[in-house]
Amino acid sequence: MTQEELDLAHLLINALNLEGKDPATIDPVAPLFGDYGTGWGLDSIDALEIALAIQQRYGIELRADDELSRNAFSSLQELARFVAQPRAQQAS
């Protein structure tokens, strides 16, 4: 797991009040939504909480009508890539 993924995992755990979930043990490619047995088991309300937390922390807006935003919600790894992309563009 990259440092960016770990930081984002901490943010999600805090934003969603997922007590007892250890960020260091999270599989970064596990699906965020759907069956809890294969991933995080999050739902649409959690998606709103995640989007708000990311906007507040990173100043990045995740929009339901944007395909890149929707794809970012597939896993922690994809979400970390999405969050890092605008910051990388600003640095260049």
Protein backbone atom coordinates (compact mmCIF):
# COMPACT_ATOMS: atom_id res chain seq x y z
CA MET A 1 0.00 0.00 0.00
CA THR A 2 1.32 3.43 -0.92
CA GLN A 3 1.46 6.31 1.55
CA GLU A 4 -1.30 8.06 -0.40
CA GLU A 5 -3.54 4.99 -0.13
CA LEU A 6 -2.83 4.71 3.59
CA ASP A 7 -3.62 8.39 4.15
CA LEU A 8 -6.85 8.03 2.20
CA ALA A 9 -7.76 4.87 4.12
CA HIS A 10 -7.39 6.82 7.38
CA LEU A 11 -9.60 9.58 5.98
CA LEU A 12 -12.31 7.13 4.90
CA ILE A 13 -12.25 5.23 8.18
CA ASN A 14 -12.63 8.47 10.13
CA ALA A 15 -15.27 9.95 7.82
CA LEU A 16 -17.36 6.76 7.88
CA ASN A 17 -16.80 5.98 11.57
CA LEU A 18 -15.51 2.50 10.77
CA GLU A 19 -14.25 1.72 14.25
CA GLY A 20 -12.03 -1.32 14.46
CA LYS A 21 -10.93 -1.18 10.81
CA ASP A 22 -7.13 -1.06 10.60
CA PRO A 23 -5.95 0.98 7.60
CA ALA A 24 -2.71 -1.01 7.37
CA THR A 25 -4.61 -4.26 6.74
CA ILE A 26 -6.81 -2.94 3.92
CA ASP A 27 -6.41 -4.39 0.45
CA PRO A 28 -6.10 -1.30 -1.77
CA VAL A 29 -7.70 -3.07 -4.75
CA ALA A 30 -10.69 -4.41 -2.80
CA PRO A 31 -14.01 -2.95 -4.01
CA LEU A 32 -15.37 -0.12 -1.88
CA PHE A 33 -19.02 -0.97 -2.61
CA GLY A 34 -21.04 -4.16 -2.70
CA ASP A 35 -20.65 -7.32 -0.68
CA TYR A 36 -18.80 -6.81 2.61
CA GLY A 37 -17.15 -10.21 2.25
CA THR A 38 -15.15 -9.10 -0.78
CA GLY A 39 -14.56 -5.45 0.06
CA TRP A 40 -15.57 -2.57 2.26
CA GLY A 41 -19.33 -3.16 1.84
CA LEU A 42 -20.14 0.55 1.49
CA ASP A 43 -23.39 2.00 0.14
CA SER A 44 -24.57 5.20 -1.57
CA ILE A 45 -24.78 7.17 1.68
CA ASP A 46 -21.14 6.26 2.32
CA ALA A 47 -20.28 7.56 -1.16
CA LEU A 48 -21.70 10.96 -0.22
CA GLU A 49 -19.67 10.98 2.99
CA ILE A 50 -16.52 10.03 1.09
CA ALA A 51 -17.08 12.72 -1.53
CA LEU A 52 -17.58 15.34 1.19
CA ALA A 53 -14.48 14.24 3.13
CA ILE A 54 -12.34 14.34 -0.02
CA GLN A 55 -13.67 17.75 -0.99
CA GLN A 56 -12.96 19.12 2.48
CA ARG A 57 -9.48 17.62 2.72
CA TYR A 58 -8.19 17.91 -0.83
CA GLY A 59 -10.49 20.48 -2.44
CA ILE A 60 -11.44 17.96 -5.14
CA GLU A 61 -15.05 17.52 -6.18
CA LEU A 62 -16.36 14.05 -7.00
CA ARG A 63 -19.45 14.29 -9.19
CA ALA A 64 -21.95 11.55 -9.96
CA ASP A 65 -22.28 12.72 -13.57
CA ASP A 66 -18.53 12.39 -14.18
CA GLU A 67 -17.26 9.01 -15.40
CA LEU A 68 -13.79 9.54 -13.89
CA SER A 69 -15.37 10.25 -10.50
CA ARG A 70 -17.53 7.13 -10.73
CA ASN A 71 -14.52 4.99 -11.66
CA ALA A 72 -12.56 6.42 -8.72
CA PHE A 73 -15.02 4.78 -6.35
CA SER A 74 -14.11 1.27 -7.53
CA SER A 75 -11.30 0.79 -4.97
CA LEU A 76 -9.05 2.61 -2.55
CA GLN A 77 -6.25 2.41 -5.11
CA GLU A 78 -8.36 4.10 -7.81
CA LEU A 79 -9.59 6.72 -5.37
CA ALA A 80 -5.98 7.52 -4.39
CA ARG A 81 -5.05 7.87 -8.07
CA PHE A 82 -8.00 10.19 -8.65
CA VAL A 83 -7.08 12.36 -5.67
CA ALA A 84 -3.39 12.48 -6.66
CA GLN A 85 -4.07 13.38 -10.31
CA PRO A 86 -5.19 17.01 -9.81
CA ARG A 87 -2.33 17.66 -7.37
CA ALA A 88 0.17 16.24 -9.88
CA GLN A 89 -1.26 18.49 -12.60
CA GLN A 90 -0.95 21.55 -10.36
CA ALA A 91 2.72 20.74 -9.65
CA SER A 92 3.64 20.71 -13.35
